């Protein structure tokens, strides 16, 4: 057999070898891709799951008036990390049952009243951080002041990130009362300060100064 007849089979063997290498490379790449796809975590597995809780005023379970609902929804748009606190966020106690029996309707985190003595109806509402643990929710207390046009000023924080699962909110005449635990007598009171145009903390043991100094004999 002449050398000329041996060359074509040699080229064919080289082409076959190259094709075999190419196919092997594709197989390795396919296997690598399959392993990565199988071991890589899916986005859903790592995504934070938002708590199933009301993020709009209408879902809080309160019979809010349209102006109140509009004010709360506007506040939530500005504070998307919060949700409306509901009756279910409250751990019931015997004292809660007493209040409910006395007033008929008892919402621990929602109360109306004229808390700044301007003759207009205001309301106070509790909010909960959406990233809070169910067993230890963190509350914020927000005041919505009524305006002469029947609306409400933007909500203002009275307290932030407090423990209130065992407590409630109330309005005592012109004071907002934050009670951390309804089974205790300890409460924090806030009154409107016209000079500062905001609510200020009032110490329970504070004594008022006399209107004028006592006369001297």
C-alpha atoms as a PDB file:
ATOM      1  CA  UNK A   1       0.000   0.000   0.000  1.00  0.00           C
ATOM      2  CA  UNK A   2       1.384   3.408  -1.029  1.00  0.00           C
ATOM      3  CA  UNK A   3       1.914   6.297   1.476  1.00  0.00           C
ATOM      4  CA  UNK A   4      -0.651   8.371  -0.483  1.00  0.00           C
ATOM      5  CA  UNK A   5      -3.360   5.912   0.457  1.00  0.00           C
ATOM      6  CA  UNK A   6      -2.528   6.161   4.181  1.00  0.00           C
ATOM      7  CA  UNK A   7      -3.030   9.943   4.495  1.00  0.00           C
ATOM      8  CA  UNK A   8      -6.852  10.136   4.221  1.00  0.00           C
ATOM      9  CA  UNK A   9      -7.474   7.656   7.045  1.00  0.00           C
ATOM     10  CA  UNK A  10      -5.008   9.638   9.221  1.00  0.00           C
ATOM     11  CA  UNK A  11      -6.930  12.869   8.661  1.00  0.00           C
ATOM     12  CA  UNK A  12     -10.142  11.065   9.376  1.00  0.00           C
ATOM     13  CA  UNK A  13      -8.733   9.773  12.666  1.00  0.00           C
ATOM     14  CA  UNK A  14      -7.687  13.304  13.640  1.00  0.00           C
ATOM     15  CA  UNK A  15     -11.125  14.660  12.802  1.00  0.00           C
ATOM     16  CA  UNK A  16     -12.772  11.880  14.773  1.00  0.00           C
ATOM     17  CA  UNK A  17     -10.509  12.566  17.731  1.00  0.00           C
ATOM     18  CA  UNK A  18     -11.311  16.292  17.595  1.00  0.00           C
ATOM     19  CA  UNK A  19     -15.033  15.558  17.386  1.00  0.00           C
ATOM     20  CA  UNK A  20     -14.740  13.161  20.320  1.00  0.00           C
ATOM     21  CA  UNK A  21     -12.961  15.813  22.408  1.00  0.00           C
ATOM     22  CA  UNK A  22     -15.592  18.410  21.506  1.00  0.00           C
ATOM     23  CA  UNK A  23     -18.405  16.079  22.489  1.00  0.00           C
ATOM     24  CA  UNK A  24     -16.644  15.279  25.765  1.00  0.00           C
ATOM     25  CA  UNK A  25     -16.274  18.990  26.502  1.00  0.00           C
ATOM     26  CA  UNK A  26     -19.962  19.589  25.895  1.00  0.00           C
ATOM     27  CA  UNK A  27     -20.829  16.679  28.174  1.00  0.00           C
ATOM     28  CA  UNK A  28     -18.633  18.067  30.957  1.00  0.00           C
ATOM     29  CA  UNK A  29     -20.161  21.545  30.578  1.00  0.00           C
ATOM     30  CA  UNK A  30     -23.684  20.094  30.630  1.00  0.00           C
ATOM     31  CA  UNK A  31     -22.904  18.155  33.780  1.00  0.00           C
ATOM     32  CA  UNK A  32     -21.444  21.230  35.411  1.00  0.00           C
ATOM     33  CA  UNK A  33     -24.520  23.236  34.581  1.00  0.00           C
ATOM     34  CA  UNK A  34     -26.776  20.517  35.959  1.00  0.00           C
ATOM     35  CA  UNK A  35     -24.862  20.465  39.258  1.00  0.00           C
ATOM     36  CA  UNK A  36     -24.993  24.256  39.656  1.00  0.00           C
ATOM     37  CA  UNK A  37     -28.679  24.353  38.906  1.00  0.00           C
ATOM     38  CA  UNK A  38     -29.389  21.586  41.373  1.00  0.00           C
ATOM     39  CA  UNK A  39     -27.340  23.063  44.236  1.00  0.00           C
ATOM     40  CA  UNK A  40     -27.991  26.784  43.801  1.00  0.00           C
ATOM     41  CA  UNK A  41     -30.664  28.104  46.236  1.00  0.00           C
ATOM     42  CA  UNK A  42     -33.770  29.495  44.659  1.00  0.00           C
ATOM     43  CA  UNK A  43     -34.639  33.182  45.279  1.00  0.00           C
ATOM     44  CA  UNK A  44     -37.870  32.133  46.939  1.00  0.00           C
ATOM     45  CA  UNK A  45     -35.969  30.176  49.563  1.00  0.00           C
ATOM     46  CA  UNK A  46     -33.938  33.237  50.602  1.00  0.00           C
ATOM     47  CA  UNK A  47     -36.641  35.891  50.252  1.00  0.00           C
ATOM     48  CA  UNK A  48     -37.971  37.398  53.452  1.00  0.00           C
ATOM     49  CA  UNK A  49     -41.613  36.583  53.931  1.00  0.00           C
ATOM     50  CA  UNK A  50     -43.696  39.571  54.987  1.00  0.00           C
ATOM     51  CA  UNK A  51     -45.975  38.890  57.948  1.00  0.00           C
ATOM     52  CA  UNK A  52     -49.600  38.376  57.034  1.00  0.00           C
ATOM     53  CA  UNK A  53     -50.820  41.568  58.682  1.00  0.00           C
ATOM     54  CA  UNK A  54     -52.800  44.617  57.657  1.00  0.00           C
ATOM     55  CA  UNK A  55     -50.793  47.280  55.847  1.00  0.00           C
ATOM     56  CA  UNK A  56     -53.804  49.471  55.060  1.00  0.00           C
ATOM     57  CA  UNK A  57     -56.184  51.234  57.395  1.00  0.00           C
ATOM     58  CA  UNK A  58     -59.228  49.382  56.082  1.00  0.00           C
ATOM     59  CA  UNK A  59     -57.696  46.024  57.029  1.00  0.00           C
ATOM     60  CA  UNK A  60     -57.111  46.916  60.668  1.00  0.00           C
ATOM     61  CA  UNK A  61     -60.585  45.926  61.828  1.00  0.00           C
ATOM     62  CA  UNK A  62     -61.608  49.406  63.008  1.00  0.00           C
ATOM     63  CA  UNK A  63     -64.659  51.365  61.867  1.00  0.00           C
ATOM     64  CA  UNK A  64     -62.631  54.333  60.691  1.00  0.00           C
ATOM     65  CA  UNK A  65     -64.264  57.378  59.186  1.00  0.00           C
ATOM     66  CA  UNK A  66     -63.165  58.267  55.636  1.00  0.00           C
ATOM     67  CA  UNK A  67     -60.945  61.123  56.836  1.00  0.00           C
ATOM     68  CA  UNK A  68     -59.334  58.866  59.455  1.00  0.00           C
ATOM     69  CA  UNK A  69     -58.751  56.127  56.917  1.00  0.00           C
ATOM     70  CA  UNK A  70     -57.177  58.582  54.475  1.00  0.00           C
ATOM     71  CA  UNK A  71     -54.827  59.880  57.185  1.00  0.00           C
ATOM     72  CA  UNK A  72     -53.740  56.375  58.202  1.00  0.00           C
ATOM     73  CA  UNK A  73     -53.187  55.248  54.618  1.00  0.00           C
ATOM     74  CA  UNK A  74     -51.048  58.336  53.956  1.00  0.00           C
ATOM     75  CA  UNK A  75     -49.023  57.578  57.076  1.00  0.00           C
ATOM     76  CA  UNK A  76     -48.473  53.951  56.008  1.00  0.00           C
ATOM     77  CA  UNK A  77     -47.235  55.073  52.598  1.00  0.00           C
ATOM     78  CA  UNK A  78     -44.613  57.142  54.382  1.00  0.00           C
ATOM     79  CA  UNK A  79     -43.780  54.289  56.780  1.00  0.00           C
ATOM     80  CA  UNK A  80     -43.994  51.022  54.818  1.00  0.00           C
ATOM     81  CA  UNK A  81     -42.143  49.158  57.575  1.00  0.00           C
ATOM     82  CA  UNK A  82     -45.193  49.506  59.816  1.00  0.00           C
ATOM     83  CA  UNK A  83     -48.670  48.013  59.872  1.00  0.00           C
ATOM     84  CA  UNK A  84     -51.795  48.853  61.833  1.00  0.00           C
ATOM     85  CA  UNK A  85     -51.907  47.234  65.271  1.00  0.00           C
ATOM     86  CA  UNK A  86     -55.032  45.127  65.709  1.00  0.00           C
ATOM     87  CA  UNK A  87     -56.946  43.658  68.628  1.00  0.00           C
ATOM     88  CA  UNK A  88     -55.257  40.327  67.887  1.00  0.00           C
ATOM     89  CA  UNK A  89     -51.874  41.843  68.762  1.00  0.00           C
ATOM     90  CA  UNK A  90     -53.059  42.250  72.344  1.00  0.00           C
ATOM     91  CA  UNK A  91     -52.535  39.525  74.917  1.00  0.00           C
ATOM     92  CA  UNK A  92     -55.834  39.340  76.770  1.00  0.00           C
ATOM     93  CA  UNK A  93     -55.941  39.710  80.530  1.00  0.00           C
ATOM     94  CA  UNK A  94     -58.671  39.914  83.170  1.00  0.00           C
ATOM     95  CA  UNK A  95     -58.345  43.697  83.180  1.00  0.00           C
ATOM     96  CA  UNK A  96     -59.049  43.776  79.443  1.00  0.00           C
ATOM     97  CA  UNK A  97     -62.280  41.875  79.999  1.00  0.00           C
ATOM     98  CA  UNK A  98     -63.298  44.395  82.666  1.00  0.00           C
ATOM     99  CA  UNK A  99     -62.748  47.323  80.303  1.00  0.00           C
ATOM    100  CA  UNK A 100     -64.602  45.577  77.502  1.00  0.00           C
ATOM    101  CA  UNK A 101     -67.527  44.882  79.811  1.00  0.00           C
ATOM    102  CA  UNK A 102     -67.572  48.508  80.929  1.00  0.00           C
ATOM    103  CA  UNK A 103     -67.434  50.180  77.519  1.00  0.00           C
ATOM    104  CA  UNK A 104     -68.867  47.467  75.295  1.00  0.00           C
ATOM    105  CA  UNK A 105     -66.361  48.152  72.497  1.00  0.00           C
ATOM    106  CA  UNK A 106     -62.718  48.036  73.501  1.00  0.00           C
ATOM    107  CA  UNK A 107     -59.825  48.509  71.102  1.00  0.00           C
ATOM    108  CA  UNK A 108     -56.528  48.536  72.996  1.00  0.00           C
ATOM    109  CA  UNK A 109     -54.654  50.355  70.230  1.00  0.00           C
ATOM    110  CA  UNK A 110     -57.209  52.818  68.897  1.00  0.00           C
ATOM    111  CA  UNK A 111     -58.863  55.693  70.756  1.00  0.00           C
ATOM    112  CA  UNK A 112     -60.522  58.984  69.842  1.00  0.00           C
ATOM    113  CA  UNK A 113     -60.597  62.182  71.865  1.00  0.00           C
ATOM    114  CA  UNK A 114     -59.667  65.854  71.973  1.00  0.00           C
ATOM    115  CA  UNK A 115     -56.131  65.456  73.251  1.00  0.00           C
ATOM    116  CA  UNK A 116     -54.964  69.039  72.633  1.00  0.00           C
ATOM    117  CA  UNK A 117     -57.973  71.052  73.866  1.00  0.00           C
ATOM    118  CA  UNK A 118     -58.694  72.722  70.530  1.00  0.00           C
ATOM    119  CA  UNK A 119     -62.298  71.482  70.304  1.00  0.00           C
ATOM    120  CA  UNK A 120     -61.513  69.124  67.397  1.00  0.00           C
ATOM    121  CA  UNK A 121     -61.625  65.348  67.479  1.00  0.00           C
ATOM    122  CA  UNK A 122     -58.232  63.631  67.323  1.00  0.00           C
ATOM    123  CA  UNK A 123     -57.321  59.959  67.401  1.00  0.00           C
ATOM    124  CA  UNK A 124     -54.408  57.847  68.589  1.00  0.00           C
ATOM    125  CA  UNK A 125     -53.458  54.618  66.846  1.00  0.00           C
ATOM    126  CA  UNK A 126     -50.879  51.933  67.494  1.00  0.00           C
ATOM    127  CA  UNK A 127     -48.668  50.464  64.778  1.00  0.00           C
ATOM    128  CA  UNK A 128     -46.443  47.391  64.735  1.00  0.00           C
ATOM    129  CA  UNK A 129     -43.141  46.881  62.961  1.00  0.00           C
ATOM    130  CA  UNK A 130     -43.676  44.436  60.122  1.00  0.00           C
ATOM    131  CA  UNK A 131     -40.401  42.630  60.885  1.00  0.00           C
ATOM    132  CA  UNK A 132     -41.422  41.978  64.475  1.00  0.00           C
ATOM    133  CA  UNK A 133     -41.620  38.496  65.895  1.00  0.00           C
ATOM    134  CA  UNK A 134     -45.171  37.381  66.612  1.00  0.00           C
ATOM    135  CA  UNK A 135     -44.366  36.734  70.275  1.00  0.00           C
ATOM    136  CA  UNK A 136     -42.555  40.041  70.813  1.00  0.00           C
ATOM    137  CA  UNK A 137     -44.089  42.723  68.561  1.00  0.00           C
ATOM    138  CA  UNK A 138     -42.651  46.232  68.667  1.00  0.00           C
ATOM    139  CA  UNK A 139     -45.227  49.010  68.750  1.00  0.00           C
ATOM    140  CA  UNK A 140     -45.226  52.673  67.865  1.00  0.00           C
ATOM    141  CA  UNK A 141     -47.846  55.148  69.082  1.00  0.00           C
ATOM    142  CA  UNK A 142     -48.976  57.763  66.567  1.00  0.00           C
ATOM    143  CA  UNK A 143     -51.208  60.804  67.103  1.00  0.00           C
ATOM    144  CA  UNK A 144     -53.447  62.210  64.361  1.00  0.00           C
ATOM    145  CA  UNK A 145     -54.598  65.750  65.152  1.00  0.00           C
ATOM    146  CA  UNK A 146     -57.917  66.945  63.749  1.00  0.00           C
ATOM    147  CA  UNK A 147     -57.941  70.018  61.511  1.00  0.00           C
ATOM    148  CA  UNK A 148     -60.714  72.631  61.045  1.00  0.00           C
ATOM    149  CA  UNK A 149     -61.528  71.305  57.554  1.00  0.00           C
ATOM    150  CA  UNK A 150     -62.554  67.919  58.960  1.00  0.00           C
ATOM    151  CA  UNK A 151     -59.340  66.195  57.998  1.00  0.00           C
ATOM    152  CA  UNK A 152     -56.300  65.162  60.015  1.00  0.00           C
ATOM    153  CA  UNK A 153     -52.748  66.417  60.125  1.00  0.00           C
ATOM    154  CA  UNK A 154     -50.006  63.921  59.207  1.00  0.00           C
ATOM    155  CA  UNK A 155     -49.498  61.383  61.968  1.00  0.00           C
ATOM    156  CA  UNK A 156     -46.839  62.209  64.520  1.00  0.00           C
ATOM    157  CA  UNK A 157     -44.912  59.656  66.577  1.00  0.00           C
ATOM    158  CA  UNK A 158     -45.524  59.791  70.309  1.00  0.00           C
ATOM    159  CA  UNK A 159     -43.434  56.704  71.136  1.00  0.00           C
ATOM    160  CA  UNK A 160     -41.461  54.280  68.977  1.00  0.00           C
ATOM    161  CA  UNK A 161     -40.527  50.618  69.293  1.00  0.00           C
ATOM    162  CA  UNK A 162     -42.083  49.946  72.665  1.00  0.00           C
ATOM    163  CA  UNK A 163     -43.545  46.837  74.270  1.00  0.00           C
ATOM    164  CA  UNK A 164     -47.334  47.147  74.335  1.00  0.00           C
ATOM    165  CA  UNK A 165     -48.678  43.631  73.776  1.00  0.00           C
ATOM    166  CA  UNK A 166     -49.934  43.574  77.373  1.00  0.00           C
ATOM    167  CA  UNK A 167     -50.975  47.228  77.436  1.00  0.00           C
ATOM    168  CA  UNK A 168     -53.247  49.723  75.748  1.00  0.00           C
ATOM    169  CA  UNK A 169     -53.836  53.356  74.797  1.00  0.00           C
ATOM    170  CA  UNK A 170     -56.393  55.771  76.222  1.00  0.00           C
ATOM    171  CA  UNK A 171     -57.261  59.445  76.397  1.00  0.00           C
ATOM    172  CA  UNK A 172     -57.893  60.904  79.847  1.00  0.00           C
ATOM    173  CA  UNK A 173     -59.405  64.351  79.296  1.00  0.00           C
ATOM    174  CA  UNK A 174     -56.548  66.196  77.569  1.00  0.00           C
ATOM    175  CA  UNK A 175     -53.863  63.570  78.216  1.00  0.00           C
ATOM    176  CA  UNK A 176     -52.802  60.593  76.135  1.00  0.00           C
ATOM    177  CA  UNK A 177     -52.101  57.627  78.379  1.00  0.00           C
ATOM    178  CA  UNK A 178     -49.782  54.807  77.325  1.00  0.00           C
ATOM    179  CA  UNK A 179     -50.117  51.799  79.637  1.00  0.00           C
ATOM    180  CA  UNK A 180     -47.431  49.157  78.956  1.00  0.00           C
ATOM    181  CA  UNK A 181     -49.269  46.523  81.023  1.00  0.00           C
ATOM    182  CA  UNK A 182     -52.930  46.814  81.951  1.00  0.00           C
ATOM    183  CA  UNK A 183     -52.355  44.618  84.997  1.00  0.00           C
ATOM    184  CA  UNK A 184     -50.049  47.279  86.477  1.00  0.00           C
ATOM    185  CA  UNK A 185     -50.797  50.806  87.628  1.00  0.00           C
ATOM    186  CA  UNK A 186     -47.774  52.249  85.830  1.00  0.00           C
ATOM    187  CA  UNK A 187     -48.606  54.446  82.842  1.00  0.00           C
ATOM    188  CA  UNK A 188     -47.005  57.228  80.820  1.00  0.00           C
ATOM    189  CA  UNK A 189     -48.994  60.418  80.280  1.00  0.00           C
ATOM    190  CA  UNK A 190     -48.548  63.037  77.566  1.00  0.00           C
ATOM    191  CA  UNK A 191     -50.176  66.453  77.487  1.00  0.00           C
ATOM    192  CA  UNK A 192     -50.273  69.060  74.763  1.00  0.00           C
ATOM    193  CA  UNK A 193     -47.852  71.942  75.239  1.00  0.00           C
ATOM    194  CA  UNK A 194     -49.157  75.019  73.364  1.00  0.00           C
ATOM    195  CA  UNK A 195     -45.778  76.731  73.533  1.00  0.00           C
ATOM    196  CA  UNK A 196     -43.949  73.789  71.941  1.00  0.00           C
ATOM    197  CA  UNK A 197     -46.906  72.745  69.781  1.00  0.00           C
ATOM    198  CA  UNK A 198     -46.439  69.094  70.663  1.00  0.00           C
ATOM    199  CA  UNK A 199     -47.247  66.538  73.332  1.00  0.00           C
ATOM    200  CA  UNK A 200     -44.796  66.366  76.216  1.00  0.00           C
ATOM    201  CA  UNK A 201     -44.241  63.695  78.817  1.00  0.00           C
ATOM    202  CA  UNK A 202     -45.784  64.484  82.220  1.00  0.00           C
ATOM    203  CA  UNK A 203     -44.282  62.964  85.330  1.00  0.00           C
ATOM    204  CA  UNK A 204     -46.835  61.537  87.715  1.00  0.00           C
ATOM    205  CA  UNK A 205     -44.946  62.903  90.701  1.00  0.00           C
ATOM    206  CA  UNK A 206     -44.538  66.378  89.265  1.00  0.00           C
ATOM    207  CA  UNK A 207     -45.963  69.163  91.424  1.00  0.00           C
ATOM    208  CA  UNK A 208     -47.328  72.354  89.955  1.00  0.00           C
ATOM    209  CA  UNK A 209     -45.691  75.625  90.908  1.00  0.00           C
ATOM    210  CA  UNK A 210     -48.021  78.094  92.661  1.00  0.00           C
ATOM    211  CA  UNK A 211     -49.495  80.819  90.467  1.00  0.00           C
ATOM    212  CA  UNK A 212     -47.904  83.491  92.664  1.00  0.00           C
ATOM    213  CA  UNK A 213     -45.402  83.367  95.547  1.00  0.00           C
ATOM    214  CA  UNK A 214     -46.924  83.247  99.047  1.00  0.00           C
ATOM    215  CA  UNK A 215     -47.313  86.610 100.752  1.00  0.00           C
ATOM    216  CA  UNK A 216     -44.746  87.474 103.388  1.00  0.00           C
ATOM    217  CA  UNK A 217     -45.767  88.954 106.700  1.00  0.00           C
END
